[in-house]
Amino acid sequence: MKAIRANYKAIYLKYKKIGKGKVRLTQSSLILIQLIDPKVASYTFPVLETDSTKGLILPGEIRLNVNDEFISYETGYYLGANILNVATEVGKFLLTYAPIELHSSFVGVAGAYQGTLSILVNKISRLERWDLKKHNFVPRTQFQNNSVGFPLATQPSIDFSDDGMFPMQPMLTLSGAKKNNIVIDLEAAILDTTTGDWTPPNLVPLTIQVKELHLIFRGMLAQNAAKFQ
């Protein structure tokens, strides 16, 4: 909490220095999502609500309004998985690792952490070759089927306030008034059809299918602070 307070103070003083001391700062998040494509190894994550170059905003995404700025002090990177009951989607998981305990084919999904993240704002590099491996956290408790007996079925013990997250210093500012280019480059393409079965205590098998890459930025939203305001 002390770190968050210190970040807030630093961000407030920054805006005060440029004559925007009345800016409204609120703790917030950006959630950017891309569908895994087995044909590509490079992913661009649109930032703005108005950016439709990569299709519509996906469910769960939180993008930046063109009038605002977002100052990130930590970022997270996750695998997004669908939970299926037969062929019907019944929920979603975020994972900090490839769940090889579900199926050996998930070894290929581990390649999602073999790469780098880069961010340019108005063509100026603000984050360069940030290695994704620092977000790869394998929890002590993982998926375990009820069929093995005691202990009963378990799921990954992930603390999303910490696991998969990493602090950013210096802090990164994304602006609705600028061109933000966020790119992940992987060493190789990863499959988008990998599935594994998990049996919870009610003995109804569920299929876990990794389908998405999630980037989460946490920080301060500066409302109506974009440069043209």
Protein backbone atom coordinates (compact mmCIF):
# COMPACT_ATOMS: atom_id res chain seq x y z
CA MET A 1 0.00 0.00 0.00
CA LYS A 2 2.92 2.35 0.70
CA ALA A 3 4.18 1.80 -2.85
CA ILE A 4 0.76 2.65 -4.30
CA ARG A 5 0.60 5.82 -2.20
CA ALA A 6 4.09 6.81 -3.34
CA ASN A 7 3.12 6.19 -6.98
CA TYR A 8 -0.02 8.29 -6.55
CA LYS A 9 2.00 11.17 -5.10
CA ALA A 10 4.56 11.02 -7.90
CA ILE A 11 1.83 10.99 -10.57
CA TYR A 12 -0.07 13.85 -8.93
CA LEU A 13 3.07 16.01 -8.70
CA LYS A 14 3.78 15.30 -12.37
CA TYR A 15 0.39 16.69 -13.41
CA LYS A 16 0.64 19.59 -10.99
CA LYS A 17 3.96 20.57 -12.54
CA ILE A 18 2.39 20.84 -16.01
CA GLY A 19 -0.58 22.87 -14.74
CA LYS A 20 -3.06 20.00 -14.37
CA GLY A 21 -3.15 19.78 -10.58
CA LYS A 22 -6.94 19.37 -10.64
CA VAL A 23 -6.79 16.21 -12.72
CA ARG A 24 -8.98 13.41 -11.39
CA LEU A 25 -6.82 10.39 -10.56
CA THR A 26 -8.40 7.03 -9.78
CA GLN A 27 -6.89 3.59 -9.35
CA SER A 28 -7.79 1.57 -12.39
CA SER A 29 -6.73 -1.15 -14.83
CA LEU A 30 -6.38 -1.71 -18.54
CA ILE A 31 -7.06 -5.24 -19.77
CA LEU A 32 -5.95 -5.97 -23.33
CA ILE A 33 -6.68 -9.34 -24.97
CA GLN A 34 -5.64 -11.08 -28.16
CA LEU A 35 -6.83 -14.44 -29.48
CA ILE A 36 -4.04 -16.97 -29.96
CA ASP A 37 -3.35 -17.50 -33.65
CA PRO A 38 -1.31 -20.61 -34.58
CA LYS A 39 -0.04 -18.85 -37.70
CA VAL A 40 1.68 -15.90 -36.01
CA ALA A 41 4.35 -15.27 -33.38
CA SER A 42 3.82 -11.51 -33.03
CA TYR A 43 0.76 -9.91 -31.41
CA THR A 44 -0.29 -6.26 -31.40
CA PHE A 45 -2.63 -5.19 -28.58
CA PRO A 46 -4.91 -2.22 -29.42
CA VAL A 47 -5.15 0.22 -26.50
CA LEU A 48 -7.94 2.68 -27.32
CA GLU A 49 -11.68 2.12 -27.27
CA THR A 50 -11.81 3.58 -30.78
CA ASP A 51 -9.13 1.31 -32.23
CA SER A 52 -10.90 -1.21 -34.46
CA THR A 53 -7.93 -2.26 -36.60
CA LYS A 54 -7.87 -5.67 -34.90
CA GLY A 55 -11.61 -6.18 -34.67
CA LEU A 56 -14.15 -5.49 -31.95
CA ILE A 57 -13.32 -5.13 -28.26
CA LEU A 58 -13.30 -8.64 -26.81
CA PRO A 59 -15.37 -9.57 -23.73
CA GLY A 60 -13.37 -8.73 -20.62
CA GLU A 61 -11.26 -6.03 -22.27
CA ILE A 62 -10.89 -2.60 -20.67
CA ARG A 63 -9.39 -0.11 -23.10
CA LEU A 64 -8.45 3.55 -22.77
CA ASN A 65 -10.81 6.39 -23.62
CA VAL A 66 -9.33 8.92 -26.07
CA ASN A 67 -9.82 11.73 -23.52
CA ASP A 68 -7.82 10.03 -20.77
CA GLU A 69 -4.31 9.00 -19.84
CA PHE A 70 -3.26 5.89 -17.95
CA ILE A 71 -0.10 5.69 -15.86
CA SER A 72 0.88 2.08 -15.23
CA TYR A 73 3.02 1.06 -12.26
CA GLU A 74 2.71 -2.70 -12.76
CA THR A 75 1.82 -5.09 -15.54
CA GLY A 76 0.65 -8.68 -15.74
CA TYR A 77 0.61 -11.29 -18.48
CA TYR A 78 -1.71 -14.30 -18.45
CA LEU A 79 -3.09 -17.14 -20.51
CA GLY A 80 -6.85 -16.91 -20.98
CA ALA A 81 -8.68 -20.26 -20.96
CA ASN A 82 -12.28 -21.19 -21.70
CA ILE A 83 -14.06 -23.73 -19.50
CA LEU A 84 -16.36 -26.00 -21.49
CA ASN A 85 -19.05 -28.43 -20.37
CA VAL A 86 -19.27 -30.69 -23.43
CA ALA A 87 -19.40 -27.95 -26.13
CA THR A 88 -20.92 -25.18 -24.00
CA GLU A 89 -18.73 -22.47 -22.48
CA VAL A 90 -19.49 -22.18 -18.76
CA GLY A 91 -16.67 -19.96 -17.53
CA LYS A 92 -13.11 -18.69 -17.91
CA PHE A 93 -9.75 -19.10 -16.17
CA LEU A 94 -6.70 -16.87 -16.14
CA LEU A 95 -3.49 -18.85 -15.80
CA THR A 96 0.10 -17.90 -15.02
CA TYR A 97 1.53 -21.06 -16.57
CA ALA A 98 0.84 -23.77 -19.14
CA PRO A 99 -1.21 -26.47 -17.31
CA ILE A 100 0.78 -29.50 -18.47
CA GLU A 101 -0.84 -31.56 -15.69
CA LEU A 102 -4.05 -31.51 -17.79
CA HIS A 103 -2.48 -32.73 -21.03
CA SER A 104 1.03 -33.10 -22.39
CA SER A 105 0.11 -30.98 -25.45
CA PHE A 106 0.14 -27.92 -23.18
CA VAL A 107 3.93 -28.06 -23.44
CA GLY A 108 3.52 -26.03 -26.62
CA VAL A 109 1.52 -23.36 -24.79
CA ALA A 110 4.52 -22.78 -22.51
CA GLY A 111 6.00 -20.96 -25.49
CA ALA A 112 3.72 -18.04 -24.64
CA TYR A 113 6.34 -17.09 -22.04
CA GLN A 114 9.27 -17.35 -24.44
CA GLY A 115 9.29 -13.83 -25.84
CA THR A 116 9.33 -10.12 -25.14
CA LEU A 117 6.98 -7.17 -24.69
CA SER A 118 7.72 -3.79 -26.29
CA ILE A 119 5.78 -0.51 -26.06
CA LEU A 120 6.14 2.57 -28.24
CA VAL A 121 4.24 5.82 -27.63
CA ASN A 122 4.25 8.15 -30.66
CA LYS A 123 7.04 5.95 -32.09
CA ILE A 124 9.25 6.55 -29.02
CA SER A 125 10.30 3.38 -27.19
CA ARG A 126 8.96 3.39 -23.62
CA LEU A 127 9.48 -0.30 -22.88
CA GLU A 128 11.94 -2.46 -24.77
CA ARG A 129 12.52 -6.22 -24.73
CA TRP A 130 10.65 -6.79 -21.46
CA ASP A 131 11.01 -10.56 -21.02
CA LEU A 132 7.73 -12.40 -20.50
CA LYS A 133 9.31 -15.14 -18.41
CA LYS A 134 9.12 -12.91 -15.33
CA HIS A 135 5.33 -13.37 -15.45
CA ASN A 136 5.54 -17.18 -15.57
CA PHE A 137 4.43 -18.46 -12.14
CA VAL A 138 3.75 -22.16 -11.54
CA PRO A 139 1.61 -22.45 -8.37
CA ARG A 140 2.16 -25.16 -5.76
CA THR A 141 -1.48 -26.22 -6.09
CA GLN A 142 -2.42 -27.10 -9.68
CA PHE A 143 -5.30 -28.81 -11.47
CA GLN A 144 -6.01 -32.22 -9.98
CA ASN A 145 -8.91 -34.46 -10.88
CA ASN A 146 -11.34 -35.79 -8.31
CA SER A 147 -10.72 -39.30 -9.67
CA VAL A 148 -7.30 -39.54 -7.97
CA GLY A 149 -8.97 -39.78 -4.55
CA PHE A 150 -7.67 -37.80 -1.59
CA PRO A 151 -6.96 -34.95 -1.62
CA LEU A 152 -9.99 -34.05 -3.70
CA ALA A 153 -9.97 -32.01 -6.89
CA THR A 154 -7.93 -28.82 -6.80
CA GLN A 155 -7.38 -25.86 -9.08
CA PRO A 156 -4.35 -23.56 -9.39
CA SER A 157 -3.72 -21.44 -6.28
CA ILE A 158 -3.08 -18.10 -7.98
CA ASP A 159 -3.16 -14.75 -6.17
CA PHE A 160 -4.04 -12.28 -8.92
CA SER A 161 -3.02 -9.30 -6.80
CA ASP A 162 0.56 -10.53 -7.10
CA ASP A 163 1.19 -13.69 -9.14
CA GLY A 164 1.90 -12.94 -12.77
CA MET A 165 2.30 -9.22 -12.03
CA PHE A 166 5.56 -7.24 -12.10
CA PRO A 167 6.26 -3.60 -11.14
CA MET A 168 7.16 -1.09 -13.85
CA GLN A 169 9.89 1.46 -13.17
CA PRO A 170 9.89 4.05 -14.53
CA MET A 171 6.11 4.19 -14.72
CA LEU A 172 4.59 4.05 -18.19
CA THR A 173 2.08 6.61 -19.51
CA LEU A 174 -0.38 5.63 -22.24
CA SER A 175 -2.39 8.50 -23.72
CA GLY A 176 -5.65 8.61 -25.60
CA ALA A 177 -4.20 11.47 -27.64
CA LYS A 178 -1.16 9.51 -28.84
CA LYS A 179 -0.37 6.44 -30.88
CA ASN A 180 0.29 3.56 -28.50
CA ASN A 181 1.91 0.49 -30.01
CA ILE A 182 2.03 -2.56 -27.72
CA VAL A 183 3.60 -5.69 -29.22
CA ILE A 184 4.47 -9.14 -27.94
CA ASP A 185 7.03 -11.08 -29.98
CA LEU A 186 7.28 -14.81 -29.27
CA GLU A 187 10.07 -17.13 -30.34
CA ALA A 188 7.53 -19.28 -32.21
CA ALA A 189 3.80 -19.50 -32.85
CA ILE A 190 1.72 -21.44 -30.31
CA LEU A 191 -1.31 -23.66 -30.89
CA ASP A 192 -4.81 -22.33 -30.17
CA THR A 193 -6.61 -25.67 -29.92
CA THR A 194 -4.88 -27.24 -26.91
CA THR A 195 -7.36 -28.76 -24.47
CA GLY A 196 -7.32 -30.82 -21.30
CA ASP A 197 -10.00 -32.32 -19.07
CA TRP A 198 -10.52 -31.51 -15.39
CA THR A 199 -12.96 -33.40 -13.16
CA PRO A 200 -14.25 -31.46 -10.12
CA PRO A 201 -15.96 -33.17 -7.13
CA ASN A 202 -19.37 -33.44 -8.84
CA LEU A 203 -17.69 -35.77 -11.38
CA VAL A 204 -18.88 -33.73 -14.38
CA PRO A 205 -15.77 -33.39 -16.60
CA LEU A 206 -14.86 -29.90 -17.75
CA THR A 207 -12.63 -29.08 -20.70
CA ILE A 208 -9.99 -26.37 -20.27
CA GLN A 209 -9.03 -24.73 -23.57
CA VAL A 210 -6.33 -22.04 -23.73
CA LYS A 211 -7.44 -19.46 -26.32
CA GLU A 212 -6.18 -15.98 -25.37
CA LEU A 213 -3.25 -13.83 -24.27
CA HIS A 214 -4.06 -11.20 -21.63
CA LEU A 215 -2.04 -8.08 -20.79
CA ILE A 216 -3.13 -6.28 -17.62
CA PHE A 217 -1.84 -2.83 -16.67
CA ARG A 218 -2.59 -1.51 -13.18
CA GLY A 219 -2.11 2.09 -12.18
CA MET A 220 -3.81 5.48 -12.15
CA LEU A 221 -6.38 6.68 -14.65
CA ALA A 222 -6.09 10.41 -15.29
CA GLN A 223 -9.51 11.44 -16.53
CA ASN A 224 -9.67 14.11 -19.26
CA ALA A 225 -5.85 14.48 -19.12
CA ALA A 226 -5.05 13.67 -22.75
CA LYS A 227 -2.93 16.40 -24.31
CA PHE A 228 -5.62 17.82 -26.58
CA GLN A 229 -7.91 18.42 -23.56
